[in-house]
Every structure is written in C-alpha cells, then in structure tokens.
Amino acid sequence: MTLARVLAEVEPSLARHAAPEPGPGRFSGLVEDPDRLFVLEAVYEGYLMHYGTPRTFRGMDPDLCLLAGDALYALGLARLAERGDVAAVWELADLISLTARAHAEGRPEVADSLWLATARALSEEGAPGAQEVWRAGQPPSAPDGSSRGL
C-alpha cells in the first residue's frame, strides 16, 4: 500500500492532494525491514511537509501541509508502537525533535546527517542513531564516503 493511500485513509481530505507518481523512496537501499522502511519514508515525507518540498502530496496550503506532516509523523510512530518496536519509535522521535532543532538553530544541513544516522540505526547495520550523532557533533559518512548525508 502506498503512503498516499494510507494517509488518505487516515485523513480522506488529503486524497485529492496525492501525487500519482511520487517517485522512489529515499531509504530503500538502507533499511531492509519493510515496516521500518515504510515508516521511515512516511516520517521523511512529514519532514518534507514541514521543511522542504513533499514528494507524495501537492497543492496544499502551508497550514494543511504542516498538519499533514504532523499526521505522517503520528502515523509512523503509531505503526511502530503497535508492532512493539520501541527502539524504532525512540530513534524516530529523536530524529523528529533533532531535525526540528537543527532547523530552528539555522543549521538545516545537519538534518541530512541525522536522517542517514537514523536509517542506519533502523537497518540491520544497527549503527549509532541521530541522538549519538548529534551529541558527537560528527556527521556520519554517506555511502560514497563523503559527509554530505544522503
């Protein structure tokens, strides 16, 4: 089931804003577990609704975009909580708060490092998550060896 369809079921008023072809997911090469992957993509779309350009939804006014982003955050965390995946809920809650903090502090470039760290923490790799990266002040290396994030 697509993210747009799931969110439209939760909040039917959003269905008319769904993009027919949102494009590939950002984290499919990093997270193996399909439930964690779906949730990470949902939370990322919520993040884009707050701080960037959404991939899955179009034509929303700014207030609706923020509310839909919040709905995606909640949808993702609730799905993991229902599954009993407390570790993943913790990682994503850290990610949401730390990316908000990075933007509030005028450091949006830090967010890419936090997304990469979280994807790796949610993968079988089990790397340090966003909280550890934030504390260390060291962005993780991207798959190509750079520190640019994803």
N, C-alpha and C. Protein backbone atom coordinates (compact mmCIF):
# COMPACT_ATOMS: atom_id res chain seq x y z
N MET A 1 0.84 -1.18 0.00
CA MET A 1 0.00 0.00 0.00
C MET A 1 0.89 1.24 0.00
N THR A 2 0.52 2.22 -0.79
CA THR A 2 1.33 3.43 -0.90
C THR A 2 1.07 4.37 0.27
N LEU A 3 2.04 5.22 0.51
CA LEU A 3 1.94 6.20 1.57
C LEU A 3 0.74 7.11 1.36
N ALA A 4 0.53 7.56 0.14
CA ALA A 4 -0.60 8.44 -0.15
C ALA A 4 -1.92 7.76 0.17
N ARG A 5 -2.04 6.50 -0.19
CA ARG A 5 -3.28 5.77 0.08
C ARG A 5 -3.51 5.59 1.58
N VAL A 6 -2.46 5.26 2.31
CA VAL A 6 -2.59 5.07 3.75
C VAL A 6 -2.99 6.38 4.42
N LEU A 7 -2.34 7.47 4.07
CA LEU A 7 -2.67 8.75 4.69
C LEU A 7 -4.06 9.20 4.28
N ALA A 8 -4.45 8.96 3.04
CA ALA A 8 -5.79 9.32 2.59
C ALA A 8 -6.86 8.55 3.36
N GLU A 9 -6.55 7.31 3.77
CA GLU A 9 -7.50 6.55 4.58
C GLU A 9 -7.61 7.13 5.98
N VAL A 10 -6.49 7.59 6.52
CA VAL A 10 -6.49 8.19 7.86
C VAL A 10 -7.16 9.55 7.82
N GLU A 11 -6.86 10.32 6.79
CA GLU A 11 -7.41 11.67 6.63
C GLU A 11 -7.87 11.83 5.18
N PRO A 12 -9.14 11.46 4.88
CA PRO A 12 -9.63 11.45 3.50
C PRO A 12 -9.52 12.79 2.76
N SER A 13 -9.52 13.89 3.47
CA SER A 13 -9.43 15.19 2.79
C SER A 13 -8.09 15.37 2.08
N LEU A 14 -7.10 14.55 2.41
CA LEU A 14 -5.79 14.67 1.77
C LEU A 14 -5.69 13.91 0.45
N ALA A 15 -6.65 13.03 0.18
CA ALA A 15 -6.57 12.18 -1.01
C ALA A 15 -6.45 13.00 -2.29
N ARG A 16 -7.13 14.12 -2.36
CA ARG A 16 -7.09 14.92 -3.60
C ARG A 16 -5.73 15.57 -3.83
N HIS A 17 -4.88 15.57 -2.83
CA HIS A 17 -3.55 16.17 -2.95
C HIS A 17 -2.46 15.14 -3.26
N ALA A 18 -2.84 13.88 -3.35
CA ALA A 18 -1.84 12.82 -3.57
C ALA A 18 -1.28 12.89 -4.97
N ALA A 19 0.04 12.80 -5.08
CA ALA A 19 0.71 12.77 -6.39
C ALA A 19 0.53 11.37 -6.98
N PRO A 20 0.21 11.27 -8.26
CA PRO A 20 0.01 9.95 -8.87
C PRO A 20 1.30 9.11 -8.87
N GLU A 21 2.42 9.71 -9.08
CA GLU A 21 3.71 9.02 -9.11
C GLU A 21 4.70 9.79 -8.24
N PRO A 22 4.78 9.47 -6.95
CA PRO A 22 5.65 10.25 -6.08
C PRO A 22 7.14 10.00 -6.28
N GLY A 23 7.50 8.97 -6.99
CA GLY A 23 8.91 8.68 -7.21
C GLY A 23 9.43 7.66 -6.21
N PRO A 24 10.69 7.28 -6.36
CA PRO A 24 11.25 6.24 -5.50
C PRO A 24 11.46 6.74 -4.07
N GLY A 25 11.46 5.80 -3.15
CA GLY A 25 11.75 6.13 -1.77
C GLY A 25 13.21 6.49 -1.59
N ARG A 26 13.49 7.20 -0.54
CA ARG A 26 14.86 7.66 -0.29
C ARG A 26 15.71 6.62 0.43
N PHE A 27 15.08 5.72 1.18
CA PHE A 27 15.84 4.86 2.08
C PHE A 27 15.80 3.37 1.72
N SER A 28 15.28 3.03 0.55
CA SER A 28 15.10 1.62 0.20
C SER A 28 16.40 0.84 0.15
N GLY A 29 17.50 1.46 -0.11
CA GLY A 29 18.77 0.75 -0.13
C GLY A 29 19.42 0.58 1.23
N LEU A 30 18.84 1.24 2.25
CA LEU A 30 19.48 1.22 3.57
C LEU A 30 18.73 0.41 4.61
N VAL A 31 17.41 0.40 4.54
CA VAL A 31 16.60 -0.26 5.57
C VAL A 31 15.93 -1.48 4.95
N GLU A 32 16.20 -2.63 5.53
CA GLU A 32 15.72 -3.90 4.98
C GLU A 32 14.29 -4.24 5.42
N ASP A 33 13.96 -3.97 6.67
CA ASP A 33 12.66 -4.31 7.23
C ASP A 33 11.57 -3.48 6.55
N PRO A 34 10.59 -4.10 5.88
CA PRO A 34 9.59 -3.34 5.13
C PRO A 34 8.74 -2.43 6.00
N ASP A 35 8.43 -2.83 7.23
CA ASP A 35 7.64 -1.96 8.11
C ASP A 35 8.44 -0.74 8.53
N ARG A 36 9.67 -0.96 8.93
CA ARG A 36 10.52 0.18 9.31
C ARG A 36 10.77 1.09 8.12
N LEU A 37 10.96 0.51 6.95
CA LEU A 37 11.18 1.30 5.74
C LEU A 37 9.96 2.16 5.43
N PHE A 38 8.76 1.57 5.46
CA PHE A 38 7.55 2.32 5.19
C PHE A 38 7.42 3.49 6.16
N VAL A 39 7.66 3.23 7.44
CA VAL A 39 7.53 4.26 8.46
C VAL A 39 8.59 5.35 8.27
N LEU A 40 9.82 4.96 7.98
CA LEU A 40 10.87 5.95 7.76
C LEU A 40 10.52 6.85 6.58
N GLU A 41 10.01 6.27 5.51
CA GLU A 41 9.59 7.07 4.35
C GLU A 41 8.41 7.98 4.72
N ALA A 42 7.47 7.49 5.54
CA ALA A 42 6.33 8.31 5.96
C ALA A 42 6.80 9.49 6.81
N VAL A 43 7.70 9.22 7.75
CA VAL A 43 8.21 10.29 8.61
C VAL A 43 9.04 11.27 7.77
N TYR A 44 9.78 10.77 6.79
CA TYR A 44 10.54 11.66 5.91
C TYR A 44 9.60 12.57 5.11
N GLU A 45 8.51 12.01 4.62
CA GLU A 45 7.54 12.83 3.90
C GLU A 45 6.95 13.90 4.83
N GLY A 46 6.68 13.52 6.08
CA GLY A 46 6.22 14.50 7.07
C GLY A 46 7.24 15.61 7.28
N TYR A 47 8.51 15.22 7.34
CA TYR A 47 9.59 16.19 7.47
C TYR A 47 9.61 17.14 6.27
N LEU A 48 9.47 16.59 5.07
CA LEU A 48 9.45 17.43 3.86
C LEU A 48 8.26 18.37 3.87
N MET A 49 7.16 17.95 4.43
CA MET A 49 5.99 18.83 4.51
C MET A 49 6.24 20.00 5.46
N HIS A 50 7.12 19.80 6.41
CA HIS A 50 7.47 20.87 7.34
C HIS A 50 8.60 21.75 6.81
N TYR A 51 9.60 21.14 6.17
CA TYR A 51 10.83 21.88 5.86
C TYR A 51 11.28 21.86 4.41
N GLY A 52 10.55 21.19 3.54
CA GLY A 52 11.02 21.09 2.16
C GLY A 52 9.86 21.02 1.19
N THR A 53 10.04 20.23 0.16
CA THR A 53 9.02 20.02 -0.87
C THR A 53 8.58 18.57 -0.81
N PRO A 54 7.33 18.32 -0.44
CA PRO A 54 6.86 16.93 -0.35
C PRO A 54 6.91 16.22 -1.69
N ARG A 55 7.11 14.91 -1.63
CA ARG A 55 7.15 14.09 -2.83
C ARG A 55 5.78 13.48 -3.14
N THR A 56 5.02 13.19 -2.09
CA THR A 56 3.79 12.42 -2.23
C THR A 56 2.54 13.27 -2.35
N PHE A 57 2.57 14.48 -1.85
CA PHE A 57 1.39 15.35 -1.85
C PHE A 57 1.74 16.69 -2.48
N ARG A 58 0.76 17.25 -3.19
CA ARG A 58 0.95 18.52 -3.91
C ARG A 58 -0.24 19.44 -3.68
N GLY A 59 -0.01 20.73 -3.87
CA GLY A 59 -1.10 21.70 -3.91
C GLY A 59 -1.77 22.00 -2.58
N MET A 60 -1.05 21.82 -1.49
CA MET A 60 -1.62 22.12 -0.17
C MET A 60 -1.21 23.51 0.26
N ASP A 61 -2.11 24.18 0.97
CA ASP A 61 -1.69 25.46 1.55
C ASP A 61 -0.75 25.15 2.71
N PRO A 62 0.05 26.11 3.15
CA PRO A 62 1.07 25.84 4.17
C PRO A 62 0.52 25.26 5.48
N ASP A 63 -0.64 25.71 5.91
CA ASP A 63 -1.21 25.18 7.16
C ASP A 63 -1.59 23.71 7.01
N LEU A 64 -2.23 23.37 5.91
CA LEU A 64 -2.60 21.98 5.68
C LEU A 64 -1.36 21.10 5.53
N CYS A 65 -0.34 21.64 4.90
CA CYS A 65 0.90 20.90 4.73
C CYS A 65 1.52 20.57 6.10
N LEU A 66 1.52 21.52 7.00
CA LEU A 66 2.05 21.27 8.35
C LEU A 66 1.23 20.22 9.08
N LEU A 67 -0.09 20.33 8.98
CA LEU A 67 -0.96 19.35 9.64
C LEU A 67 -0.78 17.95 9.05
N ALA A 68 -0.65 17.88 7.74
CA ALA A 68 -0.43 16.57 7.10
C ALA A 68 0.93 16.01 7.51
N GLY A 69 1.93 16.87 7.63
CA GLY A 69 3.24 16.42 8.10
C GLY A 69 3.15 15.84 9.50
N ASP A 70 2.41 16.52 10.37
CA ASP A 70 2.22 16.00 11.72
C ASP A 70 1.49 14.66 11.70
N ALA A 71 0.50 14.54 10.80
CA ALA A 71 -0.24 13.28 10.68
C ALA A 71 0.70 12.15 10.24
N LEU A 72 1.63 12.45 9.36
CA LEU A 72 2.59 11.43 8.93
C LEU A 72 3.54 11.04 10.06
N TYR A 73 3.99 12.01 10.83
CA TYR A 73 4.81 11.69 11.99
C TYR A 73 4.05 10.74 12.91
N ALA A 74 2.81 11.10 13.23
CA ALA A 74 2.00 10.29 14.14
C ALA A 74 1.71 8.91 13.56
N LEU A 75 1.39 8.86 12.28
CA LEU A 75 1.11 7.58 11.62
C LEU A 75 2.31 6.64 11.74
N GLY A 76 3.48 7.17 11.45
CA GLY A 76 4.68 6.34 11.52
C GLY A 76 4.96 5.84 12.92
N LEU A 77 4.94 6.73 13.88
CA LEU A 77 5.23 6.33 15.26
C LEU A 77 4.19 5.36 15.79
N ALA A 78 2.92 5.58 15.45
CA ALA A 78 1.85 4.69 15.91
C ALA A 78 2.01 3.29 15.32
N ARG A 79 2.37 3.21 14.04
CA ARG A 79 2.56 1.89 13.41
C ARG A 79 3.65 1.09 14.11
N LEU A 80 4.74 1.76 14.42
CA LEU A 80 5.83 1.07 15.10
C LEU A 80 5.45 0.70 16.53
N ALA A 81 4.72 1.58 17.20
CA ALA A 81 4.30 1.30 18.57
C ALA A 81 3.35 0.11 18.61
N GLU A 82 2.43 0.04 17.64
CA GLU A 82 1.50 -1.09 17.57
C GLU A 82 2.26 -2.40 17.38
N ARG A 83 3.34 -2.34 16.68
CA ARG A 83 4.16 -3.52 16.42
C ARG A 83 5.06 -3.87 17.61
N GLY A 84 5.16 -2.93 18.55
CA GLY A 84 6.01 -3.15 19.72
C GLY A 84 7.47 -2.84 19.46
N ASP A 85 7.76 -2.09 18.40
CA ASP A 85 9.13 -1.76 18.02
C ASP A 85 9.56 -0.47 18.72
N VAL A 86 9.76 -0.58 20.03
CA VAL A 86 10.07 0.58 20.86
C VAL A 86 11.39 1.24 20.44
N ALA A 87 12.36 0.45 20.08
CA ALA A 87 13.66 1.01 19.67
C ALA A 87 13.50 1.92 18.45
N ALA A 88 12.70 1.50 17.49
CA ALA A 88 12.50 2.32 16.29
C ALA A 88 11.69 3.58 16.62
N VAL A 89 10.69 3.47 17.50
CA VAL A 89 9.92 4.65 17.93
C VAL A 89 10.88 5.65 18.56
N TRP A 90 11.75 5.18 19.41
CA TRP A 90 12.73 6.03 20.08
C TRP A 90 13.62 6.74 19.06
N GLU A 91 14.15 5.98 18.10
CA GLU A 91 15.02 6.56 17.07
C GLU A 91 14.31 7.65 16.28
N LEU A 92 13.08 7.36 15.87
CA LEU A 92 12.35 8.34 15.05
C LEU A 92 11.92 9.55 15.86
N ALA A 93 11.56 9.36 17.12
CA ALA A 93 11.22 10.50 17.97
C ALA A 93 12.44 11.41 18.13
N ASP A 94 13.62 10.81 18.35
CA ASP A 94 14.85 11.61 18.41
C ASP A 94 15.07 12.35 17.10
N LEU A 95 14.91 11.66 16.00
CA LEU A 95 15.11 12.27 14.68
C LEU A 95 14.19 13.46 14.47
N ILE A 96 12.91 13.30 14.76
CA ILE A 96 11.94 14.38 14.57
C ILE A 96 12.33 15.60 15.40
N SER A 97 12.66 15.39 16.66
CA SER A 97 12.99 16.53 17.51
C SER A 97 14.32 17.17 17.14
N LEU A 98 15.30 16.35 16.79
CA LEU A 98 16.61 16.92 16.45
C LEU A 98 16.63 17.63 15.10
N THR A 99 15.87 17.13 14.13
CA THR A 99 15.82 17.86 12.85
C THR A 99 15.07 19.18 13.04
N ALA A 100 14.05 19.19 13.89
CA ALA A 100 13.35 20.45 14.19
C ALA A 100 14.32 21.42 14.87
N ARG A 101 15.10 20.91 15.79
CA ARG A 101 16.08 21.77 16.47
C ARG A 101 17.12 22.31 15.49
N ALA A 102 17.61 21.46 14.61
CA ALA A 102 18.60 21.90 13.62
C ALA A 102 18.04 23.03 12.77
N HIS A 103 16.80 22.90 12.33
CA HIS A 103 16.19 23.96 11.53
C HIS A 103 15.98 25.22 12.36
N ALA A 104 15.54 25.07 13.60
CA ALA A 104 15.32 26.23 14.48
C ALA A 104 16.62 26.98 14.75
N GLU A 105 17.72 26.25 14.79
CA GLU A 105 19.03 26.86 15.02
C GLU A 105 19.68 27.35 13.74
N GLY A 106 18.98 27.24 12.62
CA GLY A 106 19.54 27.71 11.35
C GLY A 106 20.61 26.79 10.79
N ARG A 107 20.54 25.50 11.12
CA ARG A 107 21.52 24.53 10.64
C ARG A 107 20.83 23.38 9.91
N PRO A 108 20.07 23.69 8.85
CA PRO A 108 19.33 22.62 8.17
C PRO A 108 20.23 21.56 7.55
N GLU A 109 21.48 21.90 7.25
CA GLU A 109 22.39 20.92 6.65
C GLU A 109 22.69 19.76 7.60
N VAL A 110 22.53 19.97 8.88
CA VAL A 110 22.76 18.91 9.87
C VAL A 110 21.70 17.81 9.73
N ALA A 111 20.52 18.19 9.27
CA ALA A 111 19.41 17.23 9.16
C ALA A 111 19.76 16.04 8.28
N ASP A 112 20.46 16.24 7.17
CA ASP A 112 20.82 15.11 6.30
C ASP A 112 21.65 14.07 7.06
N SER A 113 22.57 14.52 7.88
CA SER A 113 23.37 13.60 8.67
C SER A 113 22.50 12.82 9.65
N LEU A 114 21.52 13.49 10.22
CA LEU A 114 20.63 12.84 11.17
C LEU A 114 19.75 11.80 10.48
N TRP A 115 19.28 12.11 9.27
CA TRP A 115 18.48 11.13 8.52
C TRP A 115 19.31 9.90 8.19
N LEU A 116 20.53 10.10 7.74
CA LEU A 116 21.41 8.98 7.41
C LEU A 116 21.68 8.13 8.65
N ALA A 117 21.98 8.78 9.77
CA ALA A 117 22.24 8.04 11.01
C ALA A 117 21.02 7.22 11.42
N THR A 118 19.84 7.80 11.31
CA THR A 118 18.63 7.09 11.70
C THR A 118 18.36 5.91 10.78
N ALA A 119 18.53 6.11 9.47
CA ALA A 119 18.33 4.99 8.54
C ALA A 119 19.28 3.85 8.87
N ARG A 120 20.50 4.17 9.17
CA ARG A 120 21.47 3.13 9.52
C ARG A 120 21.14 2.48 10.86
N ALA A 121 20.64 3.26 11.81
CA ALA A 121 20.25 2.70 13.11
C ALA A 121 19.05 1.76 12.96
N LEU A 122 18.17 2.05 12.01
CA LEU A 122 16.98 1.22 11.79
C LEU A 122 17.27 0.03 10.88
N SER A 123 18.45 -0.01 10.31
CA SER A 123 18.81 -1.12 9.42
C SER A 123 19.41 -2.25 10.24
N GLU A 124 19.74 -3.32 9.56
CA GLU A 124 20.41 -4.43 10.23
C GLU A 124 21.81 -4.04 10.68
N GLU A 125 22.33 -2.97 10.10
CA GLU A 125 23.66 -2.47 10.47
C GLU A 125 23.66 -2.03 11.94
N GLY A 126 22.54 -1.45 12.40
CA GLY A 126 22.41 -1.04 13.79
C GLY A 126 23.42 0.00 14.23
N ALA A 127 23.76 0.93 13.37
CA ALA A 127 24.73 1.98 13.67
C ALA A 127 24.16 2.95 14.70
N PRO A 128 25.02 3.82 15.25
CA PRO A 128 24.52 4.85 16.17
C PRO A 128 23.46 5.71 15.49
N GLY A 129 22.44 6.10 16.26
CA GLY A 129 21.34 6.88 15.71
C GLY A 129 21.58 8.37 15.77
N ALA A 130 20.51 9.12 15.51
CA ALA A 130 20.58 10.58 15.42
C ALA A 130 21.06 11.21 16.72
N GLN A 131 20.59 10.70 17.85
CA GLN A 131 20.98 11.27 19.14
C GLN A 131 22.49 11.18 19.35
N GLU A 132 23.07 10.04 19.03
CA GLU A 132 24.51 9.87 19.20
C GLU A 132 25.30 10.77 18.24
N VAL A 133 24.81 10.89 17.02
CA VAL A 133 25.46 11.75 16.04
C VAL A 133 25.37 13.21 16.48
N TRP A 134 24.21 13.60 16.99
CA TRP A 134 24.03 14.98 17.47
C TRP A 134 25.00 15.28 18.61
N ARG A 135 25.07 14.38 19.57
CA ARG A 135 25.95 14.58 20.72
C ARG A 135 27.41 14.65 20.31
N ALA A 136 27.79 13.78 19.40
CA ALA A 136 29.19 13.73 18.97
C ALA A 136 29.55 14.90 18.07
N GLY A 137 28.54 15.48 17.42
CA GLY A 137 28.82 16.58 16.50
C GLY A 137 29.54 16.12 15.25
N GLN A 138 29.50 14.84 14.98
CA GLN A 138 30.18 14.28 13.82
C GLN A 138 29.16 13.68 12.87
N PRO A 139 28.96 14.25 11.69
CA PRO A 139 28.05 13.62 10.75
C PRO A 139 28.62 12.30 10.24
N PRO A 140 27.78 11.29 10.06
CA PRO A 140 28.27 10.03 9.51
C PRO A 140 28.63 10.19 8.04
N SER A 141 29.43 9.32 7.55
CA SER A 141 29.79 9.35 6.14
C SER A 141 28.64 8.79 5.30
N ALA A 142 28.45 9.37 4.15
CA ALA A 142 27.47 8.86 3.19
C ALA A 142 28.04 7.60 2.55
N PRO A 143 27.18 6.83 1.85
CA PRO A 143 27.68 5.61 1.20
C PRO A 143 28.87 5.84 0.28
N ASP A 144 29.02 7.05 -0.26
CA ASP A 144 30.14 7.32 -1.16
C ASP A 144 31.38 7.80 -0.40
N GLY A 145 31.31 7.82 0.96
CA GLY A 145 32.45 8.21 1.77
C GLY A 145 32.48 9.69 2.12
N SER A 146 31.61 10.50 1.53
CA SER A 146 31.57 11.91 1.86
C SER A 146 30.80 12.11 3.16
N SER A 147 30.78 13.33 3.66
CA SER A 147 30.00 13.61 4.86
C SER A 147 28.77 14.45 4.51
N ARG A 148 28.31 14.37 3.30
CA ARG A 148 27.20 15.19 2.84
C ARG A 148 25.83 14.63 3.22
N GLY A 149 25.76 13.51 3.86
CA GLY A 149 24.47 12.91 4.17
C GLY A 149 24.04 12.02 3.03
N LEU A 150 22.73 11.90 2.83
CA LEU A 150 22.21 11.03 1.77
C LEU A 150 22.18 11.73 0.44
